[in-house]
Amino acid sequence: MMVSALIERELSAETFPIRDGVFVAVVGPSGAGKDTVIGYARNHFADETRLEFVRRVITRPSDAASEDHDTLADAAFIEAEADGAFAISWEAHGLRYGIPADVDWSVANGRVAVANVSRAIIPSLRERYANLAIVEITASPDVLAERLAMRGRESRGEVLARLARSANMSLSGPGVTSIDNSGPREAAGERFAEVLRKAMAFSDMSGLI
């Protein structure tokens, strides 16, 4: 945690928004397949050093059905948060999520950082990163309902309530790309890969200015 705190101090408030690189924020409702699309891109760009796929910290144990993430208990997460271990953090569905502070260093040094985040923190991300690309992964209501039911984490009533909340949420502002992931993952994955290619090209040009 000490290294993260040092990064936070180096990137003081006077240096924000962070420039040169690009932060790619992936958002979308549960069941839309955000992790699947990100995973496709991670495999596709396995040898690409300009890309960083951010490993989140979550107050939820890892399991085969969820993303590969680092786990902290609530108390440990709160302590890490106070120590400056996260570039940004948020709460959702009774869990705490954090993006490690070293992502700031990556973006400041011209890399493209890719992270699955909540819509609620988009305003904070706009303030923190000069170059922010937002990718909204969507799917049809029927597909969302089927995928959520297959997870088995929630009751039918909870699934319906989650879908209702998602239907009332929309993104606005610059730099938003919407990708429908109702069909084959390759189709959505290739669209996402194109977004990342553009982000890398932008980052390359930004570093020359």
N, C-alpha and C. Protein backbone atom coordinates (compact mmCIF):
# COMPACT_ATOMS: atom_id res chain seq x y z
N MET A 1 0.81 -1.20 0.00
CA MET A 1 0.00 0.00 0.00
C MET A 1 0.86 1.26 0.00
N MET A 2 2.12 1.16 0.52
CA MET A 2 2.98 2.33 0.59
C MET A 2 3.32 2.86 -0.80
N VAL A 3 3.55 1.94 -1.76
CA VAL A 3 3.86 2.36 -3.13
C VAL A 3 2.69 3.13 -3.71
N SER A 4 1.47 2.64 -3.48
CA SER A 4 0.29 3.32 -3.99
C SER A 4 0.16 4.71 -3.40
N ALA A 5 0.45 4.84 -2.12
CA ALA A 5 0.37 6.15 -1.47
C ALA A 5 1.40 7.11 -2.06
N LEU A 6 2.59 6.59 -2.38
CA LEU A 6 3.61 7.44 -3.00
C LEU A 6 3.17 7.92 -4.37
N ILE A 7 2.54 7.04 -5.13
CA ILE A 7 2.03 7.42 -6.45
C ILE A 7 1.01 8.54 -6.30
N GLU A 8 0.12 8.41 -5.32
CA GLU A 8 -0.91 9.41 -5.10
C GLU A 8 -0.28 10.76 -4.76
N ARG A 9 0.79 10.74 -3.96
CA ARG A 9 1.44 11.99 -3.58
C ARG A 9 2.16 12.62 -4.77
N GLU A 10 2.79 11.78 -5.61
CA GLU A 10 3.48 12.30 -6.79
C GLU A 10 2.51 12.96 -7.75
N LEU A 11 1.35 12.32 -7.92
CA LEU A 11 0.32 12.88 -8.78
C LEU A 11 -0.61 13.73 -7.91
N SER A 12 -0.11 14.85 -7.48
CA SER A 12 -0.87 15.71 -6.59
C SER A 12 -2.02 16.37 -7.33
N ALA A 13 -2.86 17.06 -6.58
CA ALA A 13 -4.04 17.70 -7.19
C ALA A 13 -3.66 18.67 -8.28
N GLU A 14 -2.42 19.21 -8.22
CA GLU A 14 -1.99 20.19 -9.21
C GLU A 14 -1.78 19.55 -10.58
N THR A 15 -1.60 18.22 -10.63
CA THR A 15 -1.31 17.55 -11.89
C THR A 15 -2.56 17.00 -12.57
N PHE A 16 -3.69 17.08 -11.93
CA PHE A 16 -4.93 16.56 -12.52
C PHE A 16 -5.54 17.60 -13.46
N PRO A 17 -6.17 17.22 -14.55
CA PRO A 17 -6.35 15.83 -14.97
C PRO A 17 -5.08 15.21 -15.54
N ILE A 18 -4.95 13.91 -15.38
CA ILE A 18 -3.78 13.17 -15.85
C ILE A 18 -3.85 13.05 -17.38
N ARG A 19 -2.71 13.28 -18.03
CA ARG A 19 -2.70 13.35 -19.50
C ARG A 19 -1.83 12.25 -20.12
N ASP A 20 -1.63 12.39 -21.42
CA ASP A 20 -0.80 11.54 -22.28
C ASP A 20 -1.45 10.21 -22.63
N GLY A 21 -1.79 9.39 -21.64
CA GLY A 21 -2.44 8.12 -21.92
C GLY A 21 -3.95 8.26 -21.98
N VAL A 22 -4.63 7.11 -22.02
CA VAL A 22 -6.10 7.09 -22.11
C VAL A 22 -6.64 6.10 -21.07
N PHE A 23 -7.69 6.50 -20.38
CA PHE A 23 -8.41 5.59 -19.48
C PHE A 23 -9.67 5.16 -20.22
N VAL A 24 -9.83 3.85 -20.42
CA VAL A 24 -11.02 3.30 -21.08
C VAL A 24 -11.93 2.72 -20.02
N ALA A 25 -13.05 3.38 -19.79
CA ALA A 25 -14.01 2.95 -18.76
C ALA A 25 -15.10 2.10 -19.41
N VAL A 26 -15.18 0.84 -19.00
CA VAL A 26 -16.19 -0.08 -19.53
C VAL A 26 -17.35 -0.14 -18.54
N VAL A 27 -18.54 0.19 -19.02
CA VAL A 27 -19.72 0.20 -18.16
C VAL A 27 -20.83 -0.60 -18.82
N GLY A 28 -21.87 -0.86 -18.05
CA GLY A 28 -23.02 -1.58 -18.60
C GLY A 28 -23.71 -2.38 -17.52
N PRO A 29 -24.93 -2.81 -17.77
CA PRO A 29 -25.70 -3.55 -16.76
C PRO A 29 -25.13 -4.94 -16.51
N SER A 30 -25.41 -5.49 -15.35
CA SER A 30 -25.02 -6.86 -15.05
C SER A 30 -25.65 -7.80 -16.07
N GLY A 31 -24.86 -8.72 -16.58
CA GLY A 31 -25.36 -9.65 -17.58
C GLY A 31 -25.07 -9.23 -19.01
N ALA A 32 -24.57 -8.02 -19.18
CA ALA A 32 -24.28 -7.55 -20.54
C ALA A 32 -23.02 -8.20 -21.11
N GLY A 33 -22.18 -8.75 -20.24
CA GLY A 33 -20.98 -9.43 -20.72
C GLY A 33 -19.75 -8.55 -20.77
N LYS A 34 -19.64 -7.62 -19.83
CA LYS A 34 -18.47 -6.73 -19.81
C LYS A 34 -17.17 -7.52 -19.66
N ASP A 35 -17.14 -8.44 -18.70
CA ASP A 35 -15.92 -9.22 -18.49
C ASP A 35 -15.59 -10.08 -19.70
N THR A 36 -16.62 -10.58 -20.37
CA THR A 36 -16.40 -11.41 -21.56
C THR A 36 -15.76 -10.59 -22.68
N VAL A 37 -16.27 -9.39 -22.90
CA VAL A 37 -15.73 -8.52 -23.95
C VAL A 37 -14.30 -8.08 -23.61
N ILE A 38 -14.08 -7.72 -22.34
CA ILE A 38 -12.74 -7.34 -21.90
C ILE A 38 -11.78 -8.52 -22.05
N GLY A 39 -12.24 -9.71 -21.68
CA GLY A 39 -11.41 -10.90 -21.81
C GLY A 39 -11.04 -11.20 -23.25
N TYR A 40 -11.96 -10.98 -24.17
CA TYR A 40 -11.68 -11.17 -25.59
C TYR A 40 -10.55 -10.24 -26.02
N ALA A 41 -10.64 -8.98 -25.61
CA ALA A 41 -9.61 -8.00 -25.98
C ALA A 41 -8.27 -8.34 -25.32
N ARG A 42 -8.32 -8.81 -24.08
CA ARG A 42 -7.07 -9.16 -23.39
C ARG A 42 -6.33 -10.27 -24.15
N ASN A 43 -7.07 -11.26 -24.62
CA ASN A 43 -6.45 -12.34 -25.40
C ASN A 43 -5.98 -11.84 -26.76
N HIS A 44 -6.78 -10.99 -27.36
CA HIS A 44 -6.46 -10.47 -28.70
C HIS A 44 -5.18 -9.64 -28.67
N PHE A 45 -4.99 -8.87 -27.60
CA PHE A 45 -3.83 -7.99 -27.48
C PHE A 45 -2.82 -8.51 -26.45
N ALA A 46 -2.68 -9.81 -26.38
CA ALA A 46 -1.83 -10.42 -25.35
C ALA A 46 -0.39 -9.91 -25.37
N ASP A 47 0.11 -9.53 -26.53
CA ASP A 47 1.49 -9.08 -26.64
C ASP A 47 1.63 -7.56 -26.74
N GLU A 48 0.54 -6.84 -26.49
CA GLU A 48 0.53 -5.38 -26.63
C GLU A 48 0.91 -4.71 -25.32
N THR A 49 2.09 -4.12 -25.27
CA THR A 49 2.59 -3.51 -24.02
C THR A 49 1.97 -2.15 -23.73
N ARG A 50 1.30 -1.55 -24.70
CA ARG A 50 0.71 -0.23 -24.47
C ARG A 50 -0.62 -0.32 -23.71
N LEU A 51 -1.15 -1.53 -23.61
CA LEU A 51 -2.45 -1.73 -22.96
C LEU A 51 -2.27 -2.31 -21.56
N GLU A 52 -3.06 -1.80 -20.61
CA GLU A 52 -3.10 -2.37 -19.26
C GLU A 52 -4.54 -2.70 -18.91
N PHE A 53 -4.82 -3.96 -18.67
CA PHE A 53 -6.15 -4.38 -18.25
C PHE A 53 -6.14 -4.42 -16.72
N VAL A 54 -6.86 -3.48 -16.13
CA VAL A 54 -6.78 -3.23 -14.69
C VAL A 54 -7.44 -4.35 -13.89
N ARG A 55 -6.73 -4.83 -12.91
CA ARG A 55 -7.25 -5.84 -11.98
C ARG A 55 -7.88 -5.12 -10.78
N ARG A 56 -9.17 -5.25 -10.63
CA ARG A 56 -9.88 -4.53 -9.58
C ARG A 56 -9.71 -5.20 -8.22
N VAL A 57 -9.95 -4.40 -7.18
CA VAL A 57 -10.01 -4.92 -5.82
C VAL A 57 -11.47 -4.85 -5.37
N ILE A 58 -12.00 -5.96 -4.91
CA ILE A 58 -13.43 -6.04 -4.56
C ILE A 58 -13.59 -6.75 -3.22
N THR A 59 -14.57 -6.35 -2.46
CA THR A 59 -14.86 -7.02 -1.19
C THR A 59 -15.77 -8.22 -1.44
N ARG A 60 -15.33 -9.08 -2.36
CA ARG A 60 -16.07 -10.29 -2.71
C ARG A 60 -15.05 -11.38 -3.05
N PRO A 61 -15.21 -12.57 -2.51
CA PRO A 61 -14.27 -13.66 -2.83
C PRO A 61 -14.28 -13.97 -4.32
N SER A 62 -13.16 -14.38 -4.85
CA SER A 62 -13.08 -14.80 -6.25
C SER A 62 -13.73 -16.17 -6.40
N ASP A 63 -14.35 -16.38 -7.55
CA ASP A 63 -14.88 -17.70 -7.88
C ASP A 63 -14.86 -17.86 -9.39
N ALA A 64 -15.06 -19.07 -9.85
CA ALA A 64 -14.94 -19.37 -11.28
C ALA A 64 -15.97 -18.62 -12.11
N ALA A 65 -17.08 -18.21 -11.49
CA ALA A 65 -18.16 -17.56 -12.25
C ALA A 65 -18.00 -16.06 -12.34
N SER A 66 -17.00 -15.49 -11.64
CA SER A 66 -16.84 -14.04 -11.65
C SER A 66 -15.48 -13.67 -12.21
N GLU A 67 -15.25 -12.37 -12.34
CA GLU A 67 -13.98 -11.90 -12.88
C GLU A 67 -12.81 -12.26 -11.95
N ASP A 68 -11.63 -12.27 -12.52
CA ASP A 68 -10.42 -12.51 -11.74
C ASP A 68 -10.03 -11.19 -11.09
N HIS A 69 -10.16 -11.10 -9.78
CA HIS A 69 -9.91 -9.85 -9.08
C HIS A 69 -9.19 -10.12 -7.76
N ASP A 70 -8.68 -9.06 -7.15
CA ASP A 70 -8.09 -9.16 -5.82
C ASP A 70 -9.19 -8.93 -4.78
N THR A 71 -9.10 -9.62 -3.68
CA THR A 71 -10.15 -9.56 -2.66
C THR A 71 -9.62 -8.97 -1.36
N LEU A 72 -10.42 -8.07 -0.77
CA LEU A 72 -10.15 -7.54 0.57
C LEU A 72 -11.43 -7.59 1.38
N ALA A 73 -11.29 -7.84 2.66
CA ALA A 73 -12.43 -7.72 3.57
C ALA A 73 -12.78 -6.24 3.70
N ASP A 74 -13.99 -5.95 4.15
CA ASP A 74 -14.45 -4.57 4.27
C ASP A 74 -13.48 -3.69 5.05
N ALA A 75 -13.07 -4.16 6.22
CA ALA A 75 -12.18 -3.35 7.08
C ALA A 75 -10.85 -3.08 6.40
N ALA A 76 -10.30 -4.10 5.73
CA ALA A 76 -9.02 -3.94 5.04
C ALA A 76 -9.16 -3.00 3.86
N PHE A 77 -10.30 -3.07 3.17
CA PHE A 77 -10.54 -2.18 2.03
C PHE A 77 -10.59 -0.73 2.50
N ILE A 78 -11.32 -0.47 3.57
CA ILE A 78 -11.45 0.89 4.10
C ILE A 78 -10.08 1.43 4.52
N GLU A 79 -9.26 0.58 5.12
CA GLU A 79 -7.91 0.99 5.53
C GLU A 79 -7.06 1.31 4.30
N ALA A 80 -7.14 0.45 3.28
CA ALA A 80 -6.37 0.67 2.06
C ALA A 80 -6.81 1.95 1.36
N GLU A 81 -8.10 2.19 1.37
CA GLU A 81 -8.66 3.39 0.76
C GLU A 81 -8.12 4.64 1.46
N ALA A 82 -8.06 4.60 2.78
CA ALA A 82 -7.55 5.73 3.55
C ALA A 82 -6.06 5.96 3.31
N ASP A 83 -5.34 4.88 2.98
CA ASP A 83 -3.90 4.97 2.72
C ASP A 83 -3.58 5.41 1.30
N GLY A 84 -4.62 5.68 0.49
CA GLY A 84 -4.39 6.12 -0.89
C GLY A 84 -4.07 5.00 -1.85
N ALA A 85 -4.54 3.78 -1.55
CA ALA A 85 -4.24 2.63 -2.39
C ALA A 85 -5.01 2.62 -3.71
N PHE A 86 -6.07 3.43 -3.79
CA PHE A 86 -6.92 3.40 -4.98
C PHE A 86 -6.93 4.75 -5.70
N ALA A 87 -6.89 4.68 -7.03
CA ALA A 87 -7.08 5.89 -7.83
C ALA A 87 -8.51 6.36 -7.67
N ILE A 88 -9.42 5.40 -7.63
CA ILE A 88 -10.83 5.72 -7.45
C ILE A 88 -11.54 4.49 -6.89
N SER A 89 -12.57 4.69 -6.10
CA SER A 89 -13.29 3.58 -5.50
C SER A 89 -14.77 3.94 -5.41
N TRP A 90 -15.60 2.91 -5.24
CA TRP A 90 -17.04 3.13 -5.17
C TRP A 90 -17.72 1.94 -4.50
N GLU A 91 -18.99 2.12 -4.19
CA GLU A 91 -19.80 1.05 -3.61
C GLU A 91 -20.97 0.75 -4.52
N ALA A 92 -21.31 -0.53 -4.64
CA ALA A 92 -22.46 -0.94 -5.44
C ALA A 92 -22.91 -2.33 -5.01
N HIS A 93 -24.22 -2.50 -4.87
CA HIS A 93 -24.81 -3.80 -4.55
C HIS A 93 -24.21 -4.41 -3.29
N GLY A 94 -23.90 -3.55 -2.30
CA GLY A 94 -23.39 -4.04 -1.04
C GLY A 94 -21.92 -4.40 -1.04
N LEU A 95 -21.21 -4.09 -2.12
CA LEU A 95 -19.79 -4.39 -2.23
C LEU A 95 -18.99 -3.11 -2.44
N ARG A 96 -17.69 -3.17 -2.14
CA ARG A 96 -16.78 -2.06 -2.39
C ARG A 96 -15.83 -2.45 -3.52
N TYR A 97 -15.57 -1.48 -4.40
CA TYR A 97 -14.71 -1.71 -5.56
C TYR A 97 -13.62 -0.65 -5.59
N GLY A 98 -12.41 -1.06 -5.98
CA GLY A 98 -11.32 -0.10 -6.08
C GLY A 98 -10.47 -0.34 -7.31
N ILE A 99 -10.01 0.76 -7.93
CA ILE A 99 -9.05 0.72 -9.03
C ILE A 99 -7.69 1.09 -8.43
N PRO A 100 -6.70 0.20 -8.48
CA PRO A 100 -5.40 0.48 -7.86
C PRO A 100 -4.78 1.79 -8.30
N ALA A 101 -4.10 2.46 -7.39
CA ALA A 101 -3.56 3.79 -7.64
C ALA A 101 -2.51 3.81 -8.74
N ASP A 102 -1.83 2.67 -8.99
CA ASP A 102 -0.77 2.69 -9.99
C ASP A 102 -1.31 2.86 -11.41
N VAL A 103 -2.63 2.79 -11.58
CA VAL A 103 -3.19 3.06 -12.91
C VAL A 103 -2.93 4.51 -13.31
N ASP A 104 -2.86 5.42 -12.32
CA ASP A 104 -2.56 6.82 -12.62
C ASP A 104 -1.18 6.95 -13.26
N TRP A 105 -0.22 6.21 -12.71
CA TRP A 105 1.14 6.23 -13.27
C TRP A 105 1.13 5.72 -14.71
N SER A 106 0.37 4.65 -14.96
CA SER A 106 0.30 4.08 -16.30
C SER A 106 -0.24 5.09 -17.31
N VAL A 107 -1.35 5.74 -16.95
CA VAL A 107 -1.95 6.71 -17.87
C VAL A 107 -1.02 7.91 -18.05
N ALA A 108 -0.41 8.38 -16.96
CA ALA A 108 0.50 9.53 -17.06
C ALA A 108 1.70 9.23 -17.94
N ASN A 109 2.03 7.94 -18.09
CA ASN A 109 3.17 7.55 -18.91
C ASN A 109 2.75 7.02 -20.28
N GLY A 110 1.55 7.40 -20.70
CA GLY A 110 1.14 7.16 -22.08
C GLY A 110 0.50 5.83 -22.37
N ARG A 111 0.16 5.05 -21.35
CA ARG A 111 -0.47 3.76 -21.61
C ARG A 111 -1.99 3.91 -21.67
N VAL A 112 -2.63 2.87 -22.18
CA VAL A 112 -4.09 2.82 -22.24
C VAL A 112 -4.55 1.84 -21.17
N ALA A 113 -5.26 2.34 -20.16
CA ALA A 113 -5.75 1.51 -19.06
C ALA A 113 -7.22 1.18 -19.28
N VAL A 114 -7.56 -0.08 -19.15
CA VAL A 114 -8.92 -0.56 -19.39
C VAL A 114 -9.50 -1.10 -18.10
N ALA A 115 -10.66 -0.59 -17.69
CA ALA A 115 -11.24 -1.05 -16.43
C ALA A 115 -12.76 -1.09 -16.49
N ASN A 116 -13.30 -2.10 -15.83
CA ASN A 116 -14.75 -2.26 -15.65
C ASN A 116 -15.15 -1.39 -14.46
N VAL A 117 -15.98 -0.38 -14.70
CA VAL A 117 -16.34 0.55 -13.63
C VAL A 117 -17.84 0.78 -13.57
N SER A 118 -18.26 1.51 -12.55
CA SER A 118 -19.67 1.88 -12.38
C SER A 118 -19.97 3.18 -13.13
N ARG A 119 -21.17 3.27 -13.68
CA ARG A 119 -21.60 4.52 -14.32
C ARG A 119 -21.51 5.70 -13.35
N ALA A 120 -21.73 5.41 -12.08
CA ALA A 120 -21.81 6.48 -11.08
C ALA A 120 -20.51 7.26 -10.95
N ILE A 121 -19.37 6.65 -11.31
CA ILE A 121 -18.09 7.35 -11.12
C ILE A 121 -17.59 8.03 -12.40
N ILE A 122 -18.38 8.00 -13.47
CA ILE A 122 -17.97 8.66 -14.71
C ILE A 122 -17.62 10.13 -14.51
N PRO A 123 -18.43 10.91 -13.77
CA PRO A 123 -18.05 12.32 -13.55
C PRO A 123 -16.68 12.46 -12.88
N SER A 124 -16.37 11.60 -11.91
CA SER A 124 -15.07 11.64 -11.25
C SER A 124 -13.95 11.26 -12.21
N LEU A 125 -14.21 10.31 -13.07
CA LEU A 125 -13.20 9.91 -14.06
C LEU A 125 -12.94 11.03 -15.06
N ARG A 126 -13.98 11.75 -15.42
CA ARG A 126 -13.80 12.89 -16.35
C ARG A 126 -12.90 13.95 -15.73
N GLU A 127 -12.99 14.13 -14.43
CA GLU A 127 -12.15 15.11 -13.75
C GLU A 127 -10.72 14.61 -13.60
N ARG A 128 -10.56 13.30 -13.44
CA ARG A 128 -9.24 12.74 -13.14
C ARG A 128 -8.38 12.53 -14.39
N TYR A 129 -9.00 12.15 -15.51
CA TYR A 129 -8.25 11.80 -16.71
C TYR A 129 -8.65 12.71 -17.87
N ALA A 130 -7.64 13.32 -18.48
CA ALA A 130 -7.90 14.23 -19.60
C ALA A 130 -8.45 13.48 -20.80
N ASN A 131 -7.99 12.25 -20.99
CA ASN A 131 -8.41 11.44 -22.14
C ASN A 131 -9.19 10.24 -21.63
N LEU A 132 -10.50 10.35 -21.67
CA LEU A 132 -11.38 9.30 -21.16
C LEU A 132 -12.26 8.77 -22.28
N ALA A 133 -12.19 7.47 -22.52
CA ALA A 133 -13.08 6.82 -23.48
C ALA A 133 -14.04 5.94 -22.69
N ILE A 134 -15.33 6.08 -22.96
CA ILE A 134 -16.35 5.30 -22.25
C ILE A 134 -16.98 4.31 -23.21
N VAL A 135 -16.95 3.05 -22.84
CA VAL A 135 -17.54 2.00 -23.67
C VAL A 135 -18.69 1.37 -22.89
N GLU A 136 -19.88 1.52 -23.41
CA GLU A 136 -21.06 0.96 -22.77
C GLU A 136 -21.42 -0.37 -23.45
N ILE A 137 -21.31 -1.46 -22.70
CA ILE A 137 -21.68 -2.78 -23.21
C ILE A 137 -23.15 -3.02 -22.87
N THR A 138 -23.95 -3.32 -23.87
CA THR A 138 -25.38 -3.52 -23.66
C THR A 138 -25.80 -4.89 -24.21
N ALA A 139 -27.03 -5.26 -23.91
CA ALA A 139 -27.63 -6.48 -24.46
C ALA A 139 -29.13 -6.32 -24.34
N SER A 140 -29.88 -7.10 -25.09
CA SER A 140 -31.34 -7.01 -25.04
C SER A 140 -31.84 -7.46 -23.68
N PRO A 141 -33.01 -6.97 -23.25
CA PRO A 141 -33.56 -7.37 -21.94
C PRO A 141 -33.68 -8.88 -21.77
N ASP A 142 -34.09 -9.59 -22.82
CA ASP A 142 -34.22 -11.05 -22.73
C ASP A 142 -32.88 -11.71 -22.46
N VAL A 143 -31.85 -11.24 -23.15
CA VAL A 143 -30.51 -11.80 -22.97
C VAL A 143 -30.00 -11.51 -21.57
N LEU A 144 -30.20 -10.27 -21.10
CA LEU A 144 -29.78 -9.91 -19.75
C LEU A 144 -30.45 -10.79 -18.70
N ALA A 145 -31.76 -10.98 -18.85
CA ALA A 145 -32.51 -11.79 -17.88
C ALA A 145 -32.01 -13.23 -17.87
N GLU A 146 -31.73 -13.77 -19.04
CA GLU A 146 -31.25 -15.15 -19.14
C GLU A 146 -29.87 -15.31 -18.48
N ARG A 147 -28.99 -14.36 -18.76
CA ARG A 147 -27.63 -14.45 -18.20
C ARG A 147 -27.64 -14.28 -16.69
N LEU A 148 -28.46 -13.35 -16.18
CA LEU A 148 -28.52 -13.15 -14.73
C LEU A 148 -29.10 -14.37 -14.03
N ALA A 149 -30.10 -14.99 -14.66
CA ALA A 149 -30.71 -16.19 -14.08
C ALA A 149 -29.71 -17.34 -14.03
N MET A 150 -28.86 -17.44 -15.05
CA MET A 150 -27.86 -18.52 -15.10
C MET A 150 -26.82 -18.37 -14.00
N ARG A 151 -26.56 -17.15 -13.56
CA ARG A 151 -25.58 -16.95 -12.49
C ARG A 151 -26.05 -17.56 -11.18
N GLY A 152 -27.36 -17.51 -10.95
CA GLY A 152 -27.92 -18.08 -9.74
C GLY A 152 -27.62 -17.32 -8.47
N ARG A 153 -27.17 -16.07 -8.59
CA ARG A 153 -26.83 -15.27 -7.41
C ARG A 153 -28.04 -14.57 -6.82
N GLU A 154 -29.09 -14.37 -7.63
CA GLU A 154 -30.24 -13.57 -7.19
C GLU A 154 -31.54 -14.30 -7.47
N SER A 155 -32.57 -13.94 -6.72
CA SER A 155 -33.90 -14.48 -6.95
C SER A 155 -34.50 -13.85 -8.21
N ARG A 156 -35.59 -14.40 -8.68
CA ARG A 156 -36.25 -13.84 -9.87
C ARG A 156 -36.66 -12.40 -9.63
N GLY A 157 -37.17 -12.10 -8.42
CA GLY A 157 -37.56 -10.73 -8.10
C GLY A 157 -36.39 -9.78 -8.12
N GLU A 158 -35.25 -10.23 -7.60
CA GLU A 158 -34.05 -9.39 -7.60
C GLU A 158 -33.54 -9.15 -9.01
N VAL A 159 -33.62 -10.17 -9.87
CA VAL A 159 -33.21 -10.02 -11.26
C VAL A 159 -34.08 -8.99 -11.96
N LEU A 160 -35.39 -9.08 -11.77
CA LEU A 160 -36.31 -8.14 -12.40
C LEU A 160 -36.07 -6.71 -11.91
N ALA A 161 -35.79 -6.57 -10.61
CA ALA A 161 -35.51 -5.24 -10.06
C ALA A 161 -34.23 -4.67 -10.65
N ARG A 162 -33.21 -5.52 -10.81
CA ARG A 162 -31.95 -5.07 -11.39
C ARG A 162 -32.14 -4.62 -12.84
N LEU A 163 -32.93 -5.37 -13.60
CA LEU A 163 -33.19 -5.01 -14.98
C LEU A 163 -33.96 -3.69 -15.08
N ALA A 164 -34.89 -3.48 -14.15
CA ALA A 164 -35.66 -2.23 -14.15
C ALA A 164 -34.75 -1.04 -13.88
N ARG A 165 -33.80 -1.20 -12.96
CA ARG A 165 -32.85 -0.11 -12.68
C ARG A 165 -31.99 0.18 -13.89
N SER A 166 -31.55 -0.86 -14.57
CA SER A 166 -30.69 -0.68 -15.74
C SER A 166 -31.42 0.03 -16.87
N ALA A 167 -32.71 -0.25 -17.01
CA ALA A 167 -33.49 0.35 -18.09
C ALA A 167 -33.61 1.85 -17.92
N ASN A 168 -33.51 2.33 -16.69
CA ASN A 168 -33.66 3.76 -16.42
C ASN A 168 -32.34 4.52 -16.40
N MET A 169 -31.25 3.83 -16.73
CA MET A 169 -29.94 4.47 -16.70
C MET A 169 -29.42 4.69 -18.11
N SER A 170 -28.93 5.88 -18.37
CA SER A 170 -28.37 6.18 -19.68
C SER A 170 -27.16 7.08 -19.51
N LEU A 171 -26.25 6.99 -20.47
CA LEU A 171 -25.04 7.78 -20.43
C LEU A 171 -25.13 8.93 -21.41
N SER A 172 -24.51 10.03 -21.05
CA SER A 172 -24.46 11.17 -21.95
C SER A 172 -23.08 11.80 -21.82
N GLY A 173 -22.76 12.67 -22.76
CA GLY A 173 -21.48 13.34 -22.73
C GLY A 173 -20.56 12.82 -23.83
N PRO A 174 -19.37 13.39 -23.93
CA PRO A 174 -18.44 13.04 -25.00
C PRO A 174 -17.75 11.70 -24.78
N GLY A 175 -17.30 11.12 -25.89
CA GLY A 175 -16.46 9.92 -25.81
C GLY A 175 -17.16 8.65 -25.43
N VAL A 176 -18.48 8.52 -25.72
CA VAL A 176 -19.22 7.32 -25.35
C VAL A 176 -19.45 6.45 -26.59
N THR A 177 -19.04 5.18 -26.51
CA THR A 177 -19.29 4.20 -27.57
C THR A 177 -20.17 3.10 -27.01
N SER A 178 -21.24 2.78 -27.70
CA SER A 178 -22.16 1.72 -27.25
C SER A 178 -21.96 0.47 -28.10
N ILE A 179 -21.81 -0.68 -27.44
CA ILE A 179 -21.60 -1.95 -28.14
C ILE A 179 -22.64 -2.95 -27.67
N ASP A 180 -23.42 -3.50 -28.61
CA ASP A 180 -24.44 -4.49 -28.29
C ASP A 180 -23.79 -5.88 -28.24
N ASN A 181 -23.89 -6.51 -27.09
CA ASN A 181 -23.30 -7.83 -26.90
C ASN A 181 -24.36 -8.91 -26.77
N SER A 182 -25.45 -8.76 -27.51
CA SER A 182 -26.53 -9.75 -27.46
C SER A 182 -26.18 -10.99 -28.27
N GLY A 183 -25.28 -10.83 -29.25
CA GLY A 183 -24.95 -11.93 -30.15
C GLY A 183 -23.62 -12.57 -29.80
N PRO A 184 -22.92 -13.09 -30.83
CA PRO A 184 -21.63 -13.76 -30.61
C PRO A 184 -20.62 -12.82 -29.96
N ARG A 185 -19.85 -13.32 -29.02
CA ARG A 185 -18.91 -12.46 -28.31
C ARG A 185 -17.84 -11.91 -29.25
N GLU A 186 -17.55 -12.63 -30.34
CA GLU A 186 -16.55 -12.15 -31.29
C GLU A 186 -16.96 -10.83 -31.92
N ALA A 187 -18.26 -10.67 -32.18
CA ALA A 187 -18.73 -9.43 -32.82
C ALA A 187 -18.52 -8.24 -31.90
N ALA A 188 -18.95 -8.37 -30.65
CA ALA A 188 -18.74 -7.29 -29.68
C ALA A 188 -17.26 -7.12 -29.37
N GLY A 189 -16.54 -8.24 -29.29
CA GLY A 189 -15.12 -8.19 -28.98
C GLY A 189 -14.33 -7.44 -30.03
N GLU A 190 -14.66 -7.63 -31.30
CA GLU A 190 -13.94 -6.93 -32.37
C GLU A 190 -14.25 -5.43 -32.36
N ARG A 191 -15.48 -5.08 -32.03
CA ARG A 191 -15.82 -3.65 -31.93
C ARG A 191 -15.05 -3.00 -30.79
N PHE A 192 -14.94 -3.73 -29.68
CA PHE A 192 -14.19 -3.20 -28.54
C PHE A 192 -12.71 -3.10 -28.89
N ALA A 193 -12.19 -4.09 -29.60
CA ALA A 193 -10.78 -4.06 -30.01
C ALA A 193 -10.49 -2.83 -30.86
N GLU A 194 -11.44 -2.45 -31.71
CA GLU A 194 -11.24 -1.27 -32.54
C GLU A 194 -11.18 0.00 -31.70
N VAL A 195 -12.01 0.07 -30.65
CA VAL A 195 -11.95 1.21 -29.73
C VAL A 195 -10.56 1.30 -29.09
N LEU A 196 -10.01 0.16 -28.70
CA LEU A 196 -8.70 0.15 -28.06
C LEU A 196 -7.60 0.53 -29.05
N ARG A 197 -7.72 0.11 -30.29
CA ARG A 197 -6.74 0.52 -31.30
C ARG A 197 -6.73 2.04 -31.46
N LYS A 198 -7.89 2.63 -31.49
CA LYS A 198 -7.98 4.09 -31.62
C LYS A 198 -7.41 4.77 -30.38
N ALA A 199 -7.67 4.20 -29.21
CA ALA A 199 -7.13 4.78 -27.97
C ALA A 199 -5.61 4.73 -27.97
N MET A 200 -5.04 3.61 -28.43
CA MET A 200 -3.58 3.50 -28.49
C MET A 200 -2.99 4.49 -29.49
N ALA A 201 -3.66 4.66 -30.63
CA ALA A 201 -3.19 5.61 -31.63
C ALA A 201 -3.25 7.03 -31.08
N PHE A 202 -4.31 7.35 -30.36
CA PHE A 202 -4.45 8.67 -29.75
C PHE A 202 -3.36 8.90 -28.72
N SER A 203 -3.09 7.88 -27.90
CA SER A 203 -2.07 7.99 -26.87
C SER A 203 -0.69 8.20 -27.50
N ASP A 204 -0.43 7.49 -28.60
CA ASP A 204 0.85 7.66 -29.28
C ASP A 204 1.04 9.10 -29.76
N MET A 205 -0.01 9.68 -30.32
CA MET A 205 0.06 11.05 -30.80
C MET A 205 0.18 12.05 -29.66
N SER A 206 -0.55 11.78 -28.56
CA SER A 206 -0.54 12.68 -27.40
C SER A 206 0.86 12.78 -26.82
N GLY A 207 1.59 11.66 -26.83
CA GLY A 207 2.92 11.66 -26.26
C GLY A 207 3.93 12.44 -27.09
N LEU A 208 3.58 12.77 -28.33
CA LEU A 208 4.49 13.50 -29.20
C LEU A 208 4.30 15.02 -29.09
N ILE A 209 3.19 15.42 -28.46
CA ILE A 209 2.88 16.86 -28.38
C ILE A 209 3.65 17.51 -27.24
